[in-house]
C-alpha atoms as a PDB file:
ATOM      1  CA  UNK A   1       0.000   0.000   0.000  1.00  0.00           C
ATOM      2  CA  UNK A   2       2.843   2.391   0.804  1.00  0.00           C
ATOM      3  CA  UNK A   3       4.362   1.888  -2.653  1.00  0.00           C
ATOM      4  CA  UNK A   4       0.978   2.797  -4.155  1.00  0.00           C
ATOM      5  CA  UNK A   5       0.834   5.993  -2.061  1.00  0.00           C
ATOM      6  CA  UNK A   6      -1.842   4.712   0.318  1.00  0.00           C
ATOM      7  CA  UNK A   7      -1.343   5.525   3.986  1.00  0.00           C
ATOM      8  CA  UNK A   8      -4.339   3.755   5.541  1.00  0.00           C
ATOM      9  CA  UNK A   9      -7.057   1.261   4.691  1.00  0.00           C
ATOM     10  CA  UNK A  10      -9.603   4.017   3.916  1.00  0.00           C
ATOM     11  CA  UNK A  11      -7.580   4.835   0.802  1.00  0.00           C
ATOM     12  CA  UNK A  12      -8.721   1.510  -0.678  1.00  0.00           C
ATOM     13  CA  UNK A  13     -12.451   2.325  -0.568  1.00  0.00           C
ATOM     14  CA  UNK A  14     -12.435   4.342  -3.824  1.00  0.00           C
ATOM     15  CA  UNK A  15     -10.272   2.021  -5.936  1.00  0.00           C
ATOM     16  CA  UNK A  16     -12.306  -1.006  -4.818  1.00  0.00           C
ATOM     17  CA  UNK A  17     -15.580   0.752  -5.675  1.00  0.00           C
ATOM     18  CA  UNK A  18     -14.196   1.586  -9.132  1.00  0.00           C
ATOM     19  CA  UNK A  19     -13.814  -2.168  -9.645  1.00  0.00           C
ATOM     20  CA  UNK A  20     -17.329  -2.992  -8.426  1.00  0.00           C
ATOM     21  CA  UNK A  21     -16.389  -4.029  -4.883  1.00  0.00           C
ATOM     22  CA  UNK A  22     -18.374  -2.284  -2.147  1.00  0.00           C
ATOM     23  CA  UNK A  23     -16.942  -2.910   1.309  1.00  0.00           C
ATOM     24  CA  UNK A  24     -17.204  -0.846   4.481  1.00  0.00           C
ATOM     25  CA  UNK A  25     -14.122   0.774   5.975  1.00  0.00           C
ATOM     26  CA  UNK A  26     -14.156  -1.746   8.822  1.00  0.00           C
ATOM     27  CA  UNK A  27     -14.258  -4.688   6.395  1.00  0.00           C
ATOM     28  CA  UNK A  28     -11.324  -3.264   4.450  1.00  0.00           C
ATOM     29  CA  UNK A  29      -9.437  -2.640   7.698  1.00  0.00           C
ATOM     30  CA  UNK A  30      -9.894  -6.311   8.680  1.00  0.00           C
ATOM     31  CA  UNK A  31      -8.497  -7.427   5.323  1.00  0.00           C
ATOM     32  CA  UNK A  32      -5.527  -5.040   5.512  1.00  0.00           C
ATOM     33  CA  UNK A  33      -4.751  -4.928   9.232  1.00  0.00           C
ATOM     34  CA  UNK A  34      -5.406  -8.521  10.234  1.00  0.00           C
ATOM     35  CA  UNK A  35      -4.923 -11.952   8.710  1.00  0.00           C
ATOM     36  CA  UNK A  36      -8.312 -12.680   7.127  1.00  0.00           C
ATOM     37  CA  UNK A  37      -9.623 -16.229   7.473  1.00  0.00           C
ATOM     38  CA  UNK A  38     -11.179 -16.013   4.016  1.00  0.00           C
ATOM     39  CA  UNK A  39     -11.373 -13.525   1.191  1.00  0.00           C
ATOM     40  CA  UNK A  40     -13.491 -13.580  -1.934  1.00  0.00           C
ATOM     41  CA  UNK A  41     -11.764 -14.156  -5.231  1.00  0.00           C
ATOM     42  CA  UNK A  42     -13.210 -10.897  -6.606  1.00  0.00           C
ATOM     43  CA  UNK A  43     -11.623  -8.882  -3.777  1.00  0.00           C
ATOM     44  CA  UNK A  44      -8.306 -10.672  -4.259  1.00  0.00           C
ATOM     45  CA  UNK A  45      -8.301  -9.945  -7.992  1.00  0.00           C
ATOM     46  CA  UNK A  46      -9.274  -6.309  -7.363  1.00  0.00           C
ATOM     47  CA  UNK A  47      -6.414  -5.868  -4.877  1.00  0.00           C
ATOM     48  CA  UNK A  48      -3.965  -7.388  -7.351  1.00  0.00           C
ATOM     49  CA  UNK A  49      -5.219  -4.996 -10.042  1.00  0.00           C
ATOM     50  CA  UNK A  50      -5.002  -1.959  -7.743  1.00  0.00           C
ATOM     51  CA  UNK A  51      -1.422  -2.683  -6.725  1.00  0.00           C
ATOM     52  CA  UNK A  52      -0.289  -4.150 -10.069  1.00  0.00           C
ATOM     53  CA  UNK A  53       0.906  -7.400  -8.530  1.00  0.00           C
ATOM     54  CA  UNK A  54       0.248 -11.153  -8.744  1.00  0.00           C
ATOM     55  CA  UNK A  55      -1.864 -13.063  -6.204  1.00  0.00           C
ATOM     56  CA  UNK A  56       1.250 -14.905  -5.017  1.00  0.00           C
ATOM     57  CA  UNK A  57       2.690 -11.586  -3.846  1.00  0.00           C
ATOM     58  CA  UNK A  58      -0.209 -11.195  -1.396  1.00  0.00           C
ATOM     59  CA  UNK A  59      -0.581 -14.799  -0.243  1.00  0.00           C
ATOM     60  CA  UNK A  60       1.814 -16.748   1.939  1.00  0.00           C
ATOM     61  CA  UNK A  61       1.223 -20.494   2.105  1.00  0.00           C
ATOM     62  CA  UNK A  62       2.346 -22.433   5.155  1.00  0.00           C
ATOM     63  CA  UNK A  63       1.984 -26.213   5.109  1.00  0.00           C
ATOM     64  CA  UNK A  64       0.581 -27.863   8.203  1.00  0.00           C
ATOM     65  CA  UNK A  65       1.596 -31.220   9.604  1.00  0.00           C
ATOM     66  CA  UNK A  66      -0.594 -33.801   7.837  1.00  0.00           C
ATOM     67  CA  UNK A  67       0.381 -36.492  10.352  1.00  0.00           C
ATOM     68  CA  UNK A  68      -1.431 -34.708  13.180  1.00  0.00           C
ATOM     69  CA  UNK A  69      -4.074 -37.055  14.566  1.00  0.00           C
ATOM     70  CA  UNK A  70      -7.433 -35.883  15.760  1.00  0.00           C
ATOM     71  CA  UNK A  71      -8.356 -36.354  19.362  1.00  0.00           C
ATOM     72  CA  UNK A  72     -11.066 -38.838  20.159  1.00  0.00           C
ATOM     73  CA  UNK A  73     -14.540 -37.334  20.315  1.00  0.00           C
ATOM     74  CA  UNK A  74     -16.650 -37.792  23.414  1.00  0.00           C
ATOM     75  CA  UNK A  75     -19.567 -40.198  22.907  1.00  0.00           C
ATOM     76  CA  UNK A  76     -18.050 -41.604  19.738  1.00  0.00           C
ATOM     77  CA  UNK A  77     -19.746 -44.825  18.500  1.00  0.00           C
ATOM     78  CA  UNK A  78     -16.928 -46.907  19.974  1.00  0.00           C
ATOM     79  CA  UNK A  79     -17.689 -45.448  23.429  1.00  0.00           C
ATOM     80  CA  UNK A  80     -21.296 -46.678  23.391  1.00  0.00           C
ATOM     81  CA  UNK A  81     -21.311 -50.478  23.890  1.00  0.00           C
ATOM     82  CA  UNK A  82     -24.959 -51.028  22.930  1.00  0.00           C
ATOM     83  CA  UNK A  83     -24.463 -49.339  19.584  1.00  0.00           C
ATOM     84  CA  UNK A  84     -21.972 -52.014  18.478  1.00  0.00           C
ATOM     85  CA  UNK A  85     -24.280 -54.858  19.641  1.00  0.00           C
ATOM     86  CA  UNK A  86     -27.466 -53.482  18.069  1.00  0.00           C
ATOM     87  CA  UNK A  87     -28.536 -55.116  14.830  1.00  0.00           C
ATOM     88  CA  UNK A  88     -31.687 -53.881  13.107  1.00  0.00           C
ATOM     89  CA  UNK A  89     -34.494 -56.380  12.507  1.00  0.00           C
ATOM     90  CA  UNK A  90     -35.678 -56.873   8.932  1.00  0.00           C
ATOM     91  CA  UNK A  91     -39.107 -55.430   8.332  1.00  0.00           C
ATOM     92  CA  UNK A  92     -41.901 -57.684   7.029  1.00  0.00           C
ATOM     93  CA  UNK A  93     -44.525 -56.166   4.783  1.00  0.00           C
ATOM     94  CA  UNK A  94     -47.887 -57.922   4.984  1.00  0.00           C
ATOM     95  CA  UNK A  95     -50.576 -57.113   2.453  1.00  0.00           C
ATOM     96  CA  UNK A  96     -54.300 -57.601   3.021  1.00  0.00           C
ATOM     97  CA  UNK A  97     -54.746 -59.678  -0.167  1.00  0.00           C
END
């Protein structure tokens, strides 16, 4: 933003509106000042166009450990003994004919 002559997040309101993106100042501040959990593709493309950069210049990818195992959930099917022993009974359909 500094290279583009923008000093704060409010400076992005106009350029985003020119590209059809209408966001409040607080929404733009969250994108700029914090690490957003998600961002729409349209906003990402608009930011790249405003700053004349590629998406890879804005995004940093950090791999997570794929070997991490999930903790066991409380009341999982294996915790309930009757659930393993229960077998449904086949239904019989009887007609009046």
